[in-house]
Amino acid sequence: MAYDRTLITGVILAGGQATRMGGNDKGLSLLAGKPMIEYVIADISPQVGNLLINANRSDAVYRQYGFPVIHDLRANFAGPLAGIAAAMMHTSSELLLTTPCDSPCLPKDLAERLFQQLTVTDADVCVAHDGNQLQPIFGLFHQRLMPGIQQFLDSGDRKLKLWLQKQKLAITDFSDCPDAFTNVNTQAERECLEQQLADSSG
């Protein structure tokens, strides 16, 4: 099957607590004068047919970007799997592309490369590998996984890596662009990335 972006809904996961960023909403934290989620929207929206934002606060601000804002269906910030489950409940697309809100340097062909590997291996989910480690939050998930995700969450588990170990999993090698998965978890990391962006644009 050829890559067709209209088959894919993207979801930007912005529903975490951001404790290492002082509790500030990471997607709205400024990077070089622009909210981080704006970088992610610019990279992801051309790769998918529809786009959702998963957030558990700052609804009004996120809605200004013109995409549906969905909440976790579970309380207490239950992690990325809860956001993925909520997104699956809000789309009829066969495939769901996931990415965090704090990775502003994403590959322009993220969806296509994940799709190709998912199709070739006939897997249920495909995630990125940066050449050093798995990057499980950057993934392409088949809609048929939703019941299993709900069951996993109902059991009290929430760790994405643990859930992935039990799935028909494919992995796409992105070792040619490992910096594309840089994420910003602390103020120090934000400042470092701002400097890198300034250097590359200068």
C-alpha atoms as a PDB file:
ATOM      1  CA  MET A   1       0.000   0.000   0.000  1.00  0.00           C
ATOM      2  CA  ALA A   2       1.342   3.422  -0.947  1.00  0.00           C
ATOM      3  CA  TYR A   3       1.670   6.132   1.638  1.00  0.00           C
ATOM      4  CA  ASP A   4      -1.438   8.296   1.677  1.00  0.00           C
ATOM      5  CA  ARG A   5      -1.552  11.022   4.308  1.00  0.00           C
ATOM      6  CA  THR A   6      -5.365  11.141   4.199  1.00  0.00           C
ATOM      7  CA  LEU A   7      -5.412   7.714   5.878  1.00  0.00           C
ATOM      8  CA  ILE A   8      -3.642   9.143   8.929  1.00  0.00           C
ATOM      9  CA  THR A   9      -4.774  11.360  11.782  1.00  0.00           C
ATOM     10  CA  GLY A  10      -2.011  13.001  13.762  1.00  0.00           C
ATOM     11  CA  VAL A  11      -2.177  13.765  17.458  1.00  0.00           C
ATOM     12  CA  ILE A  12       0.180  16.126  19.264  1.00  0.00           C
ATOM     13  CA  LEU A  13       0.468  14.935  22.855  1.00  0.00           C
ATOM     14  CA  ALA A  14       0.421  17.966  25.131  1.00  0.00           C
ATOM     15  CA  GLY A  15      -1.376  16.488  28.112  1.00  0.00           C
ATOM     16  CA  GLY A  16       1.478  15.989  30.561  1.00  0.00           C
ATOM     17  CA  GLN A  17       2.262  17.787  33.798  1.00  0.00           C
ATOM     18  CA  ALA A  18       5.683  19.074  32.680  1.00  0.00           C
ATOM     19  CA  THR A  19       7.072  18.811  36.206  1.00  0.00           C
ATOM     20  CA  ARG A  20      10.653  19.342  34.997  1.00  0.00           C
ATOM     21  CA  MET A  21       9.575  22.589  33.350  1.00  0.00           C
ATOM     22  CA  GLY A  22       8.194  23.935  36.615  1.00  0.00           C
ATOM     23  CA  GLY A  23       4.711  22.731  35.782  1.00  0.00           C
ATOM     24  CA  ASN A  24       4.428  25.132  32.854  1.00  0.00           C
ATOM     25  CA  ASP A  25       2.530  23.923  29.807  1.00  0.00           C
ATOM     26  CA  LYS A  26       5.363  22.701  27.602  1.00  0.00           C
ATOM     27  CA  GLY A  27       3.542  23.072  24.324  1.00  0.00           C
ATOM     28  CA  LEU A  28       3.071  26.760  25.037  1.00  0.00           C
ATOM     29  CA  SER A  29       6.587  27.368  26.356  1.00  0.00           C
ATOM     30  CA  LEU A  30       8.469  29.728  24.078  1.00  0.00           C
ATOM     31  CA  LEU A  31      11.377  28.570  21.961  1.00  0.00           C
ATOM     32  CA  ALA A  32      13.093  31.393  20.092  1.00  0.00           C
ATOM     33  CA  GLY A  33      10.005  33.505  20.694  1.00  0.00           C
ATOM     34  CA  LYS A  34       7.470  30.958  19.445  1.00  0.00           C
ATOM     35  CA  PRO A  35       5.408  28.352  21.356  1.00  0.00           C
ATOM     36  CA  MET A  36       6.935  24.916  20.855  1.00  0.00           C
ATOM     37  CA  ILE A  37       3.691  23.421  19.607  1.00  0.00           C
ATOM     38  CA  GLU A  38       3.813  25.747  16.604  1.00  0.00           C
ATOM     39  CA  TYR A  39       6.984  24.056  15.385  1.00  0.00           C
ATOM     40  CA  VAL A  40       5.333  20.648  15.761  1.00  0.00           C
ATOM     41  CA  ILE A  41       2.159  21.734  13.953  1.00  0.00           C
ATOM     42  CA  ALA A  42       4.225  23.091  11.067  1.00  0.00           C
ATOM     43  CA  ASP A  43       6.129  19.802  10.738  1.00  0.00           C
ATOM     44  CA  ILE A  44       3.254  17.366  11.240  1.00  0.00           C
ATOM     45  CA  SER A  45       0.178  18.927   9.621  1.00  0.00           C
ATOM     46  CA  PRO A  46       1.451  18.436   6.023  1.00  0.00           C
ATOM     47  CA  GLN A  47       2.060  14.738   6.779  1.00  0.00           C
ATOM     48  CA  VAL A  48      -1.461  13.788   7.923  1.00  0.00           C
ATOM     49  CA  GLY A  49      -5.052  14.128   6.790  1.00  0.00           C
ATOM     50  CA  ASN A  50      -6.325  15.473  10.112  1.00  0.00           C
ATOM     51  CA  LEU A  51      -4.688  16.772  13.258  1.00  0.00           C
ATOM     52  CA  LEU A  52      -5.730  16.680  16.922  1.00  0.00           C
ATOM     53  CA  ILE A  53      -4.188  18.261  20.003  1.00  0.00           C
ATOM     54  CA  ASN A  54      -4.359  16.211  23.198  1.00  0.00           C
ATOM     55  CA  ALA A  55      -4.261  18.595  26.157  1.00  0.00           C
ATOM     56  CA  ASN A  56      -5.584  18.591  29.709  1.00  0.00           C
ATOM     57  CA  ARG A  57      -5.383  22.350  30.271  1.00  0.00           C
ATOM     58  CA  SER A  58      -5.006  25.612  28.322  1.00  0.00           C
ATOM     59  CA  ASP A  59      -7.858  24.538  26.050  1.00  0.00           C
ATOM     60  CA  ALA A  60      -8.723  28.020  24.845  1.00  0.00           C
ATOM     61  CA  VAL A  61      -5.144  28.753  23.800  1.00  0.00           C
ATOM     62  CA  TYR A  62      -4.699  25.452  21.977  1.00  0.00           C
ATOM     63  CA  ARG A  63      -8.009  25.867  20.140  1.00  0.00           C
ATOM     64  CA  GLN A  64      -6.698  29.059  18.594  1.00  0.00           C
ATOM     65  CA  TYR A  65      -4.573  26.890  16.321  1.00  0.00           C
ATOM     66  CA  GLY A  66      -7.715  25.670  14.584  1.00  0.00           C
ATOM     67  CA  PHE A  67      -7.529  21.971  15.442  1.00  0.00           C
ATOM     68  CA  PRO A  68      -9.790  19.926  17.753  1.00  0.00           C
ATOM     69  CA  VAL A  69      -8.514  19.784  21.330  1.00  0.00           C
ATOM     70  CA  ILE A  70      -9.232  16.517  23.138  1.00  0.00           C
ATOM     71  CA  HIS A  71      -8.782  15.573  26.783  1.00  0.00           C
ATOM     72  CA  ASP A  72      -7.586  12.328  28.321  1.00  0.00           C
ATOM     73  CA  LEU A  73     -10.529  10.167  29.299  1.00  0.00           C
ATOM     74  CA  ARG A  74      -8.696   9.309  32.511  1.00  0.00           C
ATOM     75  CA  ALA A  75      -7.779  11.526  35.433  1.00  0.00           C
ATOM     76  CA  ASN A  76      -4.394  12.212  37.005  1.00  0.00           C
ATOM     77  CA  PHE A  77      -2.316  12.675  33.862  1.00  0.00           C
ATOM     78  CA  ALA A  78      -2.164   8.991  32.911  1.00  0.00           C
ATOM     79  CA  GLY A  79       0.600   9.382  30.342  1.00  0.00           C
ATOM     80  CA  PRO A  80       0.890   9.160  26.547  1.00  0.00           C
ATOM     81  CA  LEU A  81      -1.156   5.974  26.233  1.00  0.00           C
ATOM     82  CA  ALA A  82      -4.136   7.782  27.724  1.00  0.00           C
ATOM     83  CA  GLY A  83      -3.710  10.520  25.149  1.00  0.00           C
ATOM     84  CA  ILE A  84      -3.439   7.953  22.362  1.00  0.00           C
ATOM     85  CA  ALA A  85      -6.611   6.209  23.550  1.00  0.00           C
ATOM     86  CA  ALA A  86      -8.474   9.515  23.659  1.00  0.00           C
ATOM     87  CA  ALA A  87      -7.328  10.382  20.127  1.00  0.00           C
ATOM     88  CA  MET A  88      -8.481   7.011  18.808  1.00  0.00           C
ATOM     89  CA  MET A  89     -11.904   7.730  20.275  1.00  0.00           C
ATOM     90  CA  HIS A  90     -12.042  10.965  18.268  1.00  0.00           C
ATOM     91  CA  THR A  91     -11.024   9.733  14.827  1.00  0.00           C
ATOM     92  CA  SER A  92     -12.237   7.227  12.282  1.00  0.00           C
ATOM     93  CA  SER A  93      -8.839   7.109  10.580  1.00  0.00           C
ATOM     94  CA  GLU A  94      -7.244   3.698  10.337  1.00  0.00           C
ATOM     95  CA  LEU A  95      -3.879   5.030  11.540  1.00  0.00           C
ATOM     96  CA  LEU A  96      -2.829   7.463  14.258  1.00  0.00           C
ATOM     97  CA  LEU A  97       0.501   9.311  14.154  1.00  0.00           C
ATOM     98  CA  THR A  98       1.729  10.410  17.572  1.00  0.00           C
ATOM     99  CA  THR A  99       4.277  13.010  18.529  1.00  0.00           C
ATOM    100  CA  PRO A 100       4.962  15.047  21.679  1.00  0.00           C
ATOM    101  CA  CYS A 101       4.483  18.808  21.839  1.00  0.00           C
ATOM    102  CA  ASP A 102       8.087  19.479  22.859  1.00  0.00           C
ATOM    103  CA  SER A 103      10.036  18.165  19.860  1.00  0.00           C
ATOM    104  CA  PRO A 104      10.423  21.095  17.486  1.00  0.00           C
ATOM    105  CA  CYS A 105      12.776  19.508  14.915  1.00  0.00           C
ATOM    106  CA  LEU A 106      10.727  16.595  13.557  1.00  0.00           C
ATOM    107  CA  PRO A 107      11.525  14.788  10.286  1.00  0.00           C
ATOM    108  CA  LYS A 108       9.440  16.033   7.376  1.00  0.00           C
ATOM    109  CA  ASP A 109       8.958  12.388   6.333  1.00  0.00           C
ATOM    110  CA  LEU A 110       8.207  10.935   9.773  1.00  0.00           C
ATOM    111  CA  ALA A 111       4.753   9.636   8.842  1.00  0.00           C
ATOM    112  CA  GLU A 112       5.830   8.225   5.486  1.00  0.00           C
ATOM    113  CA  ARG A 113       8.787   6.279   6.853  1.00  0.00           C
ATOM    114  CA  LEU A 114       6.784   4.875   9.750  1.00  0.00           C
ATOM    115  CA  PHE A 115       3.983   3.953   7.333  1.00  0.00           C
ATOM    116  CA  GLN A 116       6.305   2.127   4.952  1.00  0.00           C
ATOM    117  CA  GLN A 117       7.818   0.017   7.736  1.00  0.00           C
ATOM    118  CA  LEU A 118       4.412  -0.686   9.274  1.00  0.00           C
ATOM    119  CA  THR A 119       3.104  -1.867   5.903  1.00  0.00           C
ATOM    120  CA  VAL A 120       6.115  -3.973   4.943  1.00  0.00           C
ATOM    121  CA  THR A 121       6.111  -5.828   8.279  1.00  0.00           C
ATOM    122  CA  ASP A 122       2.301  -6.017   8.610  1.00  0.00           C
ATOM    123  CA  ALA A 123       2.694  -4.722  12.161  1.00  0.00           C
ATOM    124  CA  ASP A 124       0.090  -3.075  14.386  1.00  0.00           C
ATOM    125  CA  VAL A 125       2.348  -0.273  15.558  1.00  0.00           C
ATOM    126  CA  CYS A 126       5.616   1.214  14.322  1.00  0.00           C
ATOM    127  CA  VAL A 127       7.857   3.531  16.344  1.00  0.00           C
ATOM    128  CA  ALA A 128      11.035   5.447  15.666  1.00  0.00           C
ATOM    129  CA  HIS A 129      14.584   4.558  16.680  1.00  0.00           C
ATOM    130  CA  ASP A 130      17.189   7.336  16.583  1.00  0.00           C
ATOM    131  CA  GLY A 131      20.171   5.001  16.272  1.00  0.00           C
ATOM    132  CA  ASN A 132      20.852   5.001  20.004  1.00  0.00           C
ATOM    133  CA  GLN A 133      17.494   4.351  21.599  1.00  0.00           C
ATOM    134  CA  LEU A 134      13.858   3.694  20.891  1.00  0.00           C
ATOM    135  CA  GLN A 135      11.659   6.783  20.646  1.00  0.00           C
ATOM    136  CA  PRO A 136       8.285   5.190  21.423  1.00  0.00           C
ATOM    137  CA  ILE A 137       6.223   8.371  21.598  1.00  0.00           C
ATOM    138  CA  PHE A 138       6.917   8.970  17.906  1.00  0.00           C
ATOM    139  CA  GLY A 139       4.772   6.248  16.425  1.00  0.00           C
ATOM    140  CA  LEU A 140       2.119   5.089  14.005  1.00  0.00           C
ATOM    141  CA  PHE A 141      -0.654   3.130  15.711  1.00  0.00           C
ATOM    142  CA  HIS A 142      -3.377   1.082  14.055  1.00  0.00           C
ATOM    143  CA  GLN A 143      -6.902   1.826  15.220  1.00  0.00           C
ATOM    144  CA  ARG A 144      -7.483  -1.845  16.041  1.00  0.00           C
ATOM    145  CA  LEU A 145      -5.162  -1.439  19.031  1.00  0.00           C
ATOM    146  CA  MET A 146      -7.646   0.683  20.955  1.00  0.00           C
ATOM    147  CA  PRO A 147      -9.369  -2.117  22.944  1.00  0.00           C
ATOM    148  CA  GLY A 148      -6.006  -3.458  24.082  1.00  0.00           C
ATOM    149  CA  ILE A 149      -4.829  -0.019  25.139  1.00  0.00           C
ATOM    150  CA  GLN A 150      -7.990   0.511  27.157  1.00  0.00           C
ATOM    151  CA  GLN A 151      -7.572  -2.880  28.829  1.00  0.00           C
ATOM    152  CA  PHE A 152      -3.932  -2.129  29.653  1.00  0.00           C
ATOM    153  CA  LEU A 153      -4.882   1.207  31.225  1.00  0.00           C
ATOM    154  CA  ASP A 154      -7.793  -0.384  33.091  1.00  0.00           C
ATOM    155  CA  SER A 155      -5.335  -2.819  34.668  1.00  0.00           C
ATOM    156  CA  GLY A 156      -3.499   0.108  36.245  1.00  0.00           C
ATOM    157  CA  ASP A 157      -0.518   0.106  33.894  1.00  0.00           C
ATOM    158  CA  ARG A 158       0.443   3.191  31.923  1.00  0.00           C
ATOM    159  CA  LYS A 159       4.024   2.723  30.665  1.00  0.00           C
ATOM    160  CA  LEU A 160       4.161   2.973  26.892  1.00  0.00           C
ATOM    161  CA  LYS A 161       7.360   0.933  26.559  1.00  0.00           C
ATOM    162  CA  LEU A 162       5.881  -1.914  28.586  1.00  0.00           C
ATOM    163  CA  TRP A 163       2.747  -1.933  26.445  1.00  0.00           C
ATOM    164  CA  LEU A 164       4.801  -1.937  23.234  1.00  0.00           C
ATOM    165  CA  GLN A 165       6.638  -5.087  24.323  1.00  0.00           C
ATOM    166  CA  LYS A 166       3.344  -6.958  24.062  1.00  0.00           C
ATOM    167  CA  GLN A 167       2.440  -5.735  20.573  1.00  0.00           C
ATOM    168  CA  LYS A 168       3.198  -6.698  16.991  1.00  0.00           C
ATOM    169  CA  LEU A 169       5.818  -3.988  16.757  1.00  0.00           C
ATOM    170  CA  ALA A 170       7.859  -2.595  13.891  1.00  0.00           C
ATOM    171  CA  ILE A 171      10.742  -0.151  14.275  1.00  0.00           C
ATOM    172  CA  THR A 172      11.906   2.465  11.777  1.00  0.00           C
ATOM    173  CA  ASP A 173      15.557   3.489  11.731  1.00  0.00           C
ATOM    174  CA  PHE A 174      16.022   7.257  11.877  1.00  0.00           C
ATOM    175  CA  SER A 175      19.728   7.129  12.712  1.00  0.00           C
ATOM    176  CA  ASP A 176      20.319   9.457   9.754  1.00  0.00           C
ATOM    177  CA  CYS A 177      18.611  12.272  11.704  1.00  0.00           C
ATOM    178  CA  PRO A 178      18.908  11.540  15.446  1.00  0.00           C
ATOM    179  CA  ASP A 179      18.635  15.217  16.411  1.00  0.00           C
ATOM    180  CA  ALA A 180      15.119  15.271  14.977  1.00  0.00           C
ATOM    181  CA  PHE A 181      13.881  13.652  18.184  1.00  0.00           C
ATOM    182  CA  THR A 182      15.380  16.232  20.518  1.00  0.00           C
ATOM    183  CA  ASN A 183      12.806  17.172  23.109  1.00  0.00           C
ATOM    184  CA  VAL A 184      12.731  19.928  25.679  1.00  0.00           C
ATOM    185  CA  ASN A 185      12.160  18.750  29.239  1.00  0.00           C
ATOM    186  CA  THR A 186      13.992  21.445  31.196  1.00  0.00           C
ATOM    187  CA  GLN A 187      14.719  25.148  30.941  1.00  0.00           C
ATOM    188  CA  ALA A 188      18.391  24.329  30.360  1.00  0.00           C
ATOM    189  CA  GLU A 189      17.500  22.116  27.387  1.00  0.00           C
ATOM    190  CA  ARG A 190      15.296  24.880  26.000  1.00  0.00           C
ATOM    191  CA  GLU A 191      18.112  27.402  26.215  1.00  0.00           C
ATOM    192  CA  CYS A 192      20.540  24.974  24.557  1.00  0.00           C
ATOM    193  CA  LEU A 193      18.162  24.305  21.668  1.00  0.00           C
ATOM    194  CA  GLU A 194      17.487  28.025  21.242  1.00  0.00           C
ATOM    195  CA  GLN A 195      21.217  28.541  20.784  1.00  0.00           C
ATOM    196  CA  GLN A 196      21.397  25.709  18.242  1.00  0.00           C
ATOM    197  CA  LEU A 197      18.506  27.203  16.266  1.00  0.00           C
ATOM    198  CA  ALA A 198      20.173  30.607  16.342  1.00  0.00           C
ATOM    199  CA  ASP A 199      23.470  29.123  15.140  1.00  0.00           C
ATOM    200  CA  SER A 200      21.806  27.186  12.293  1.00  0.00           C
ATOM    201  CA  SER A 201      19.817  30.193  11.096  1.00  0.00           C
ATOM    202  CA  GLY A 202      22.818  32.488  11.322  1.00  0.00           C
END
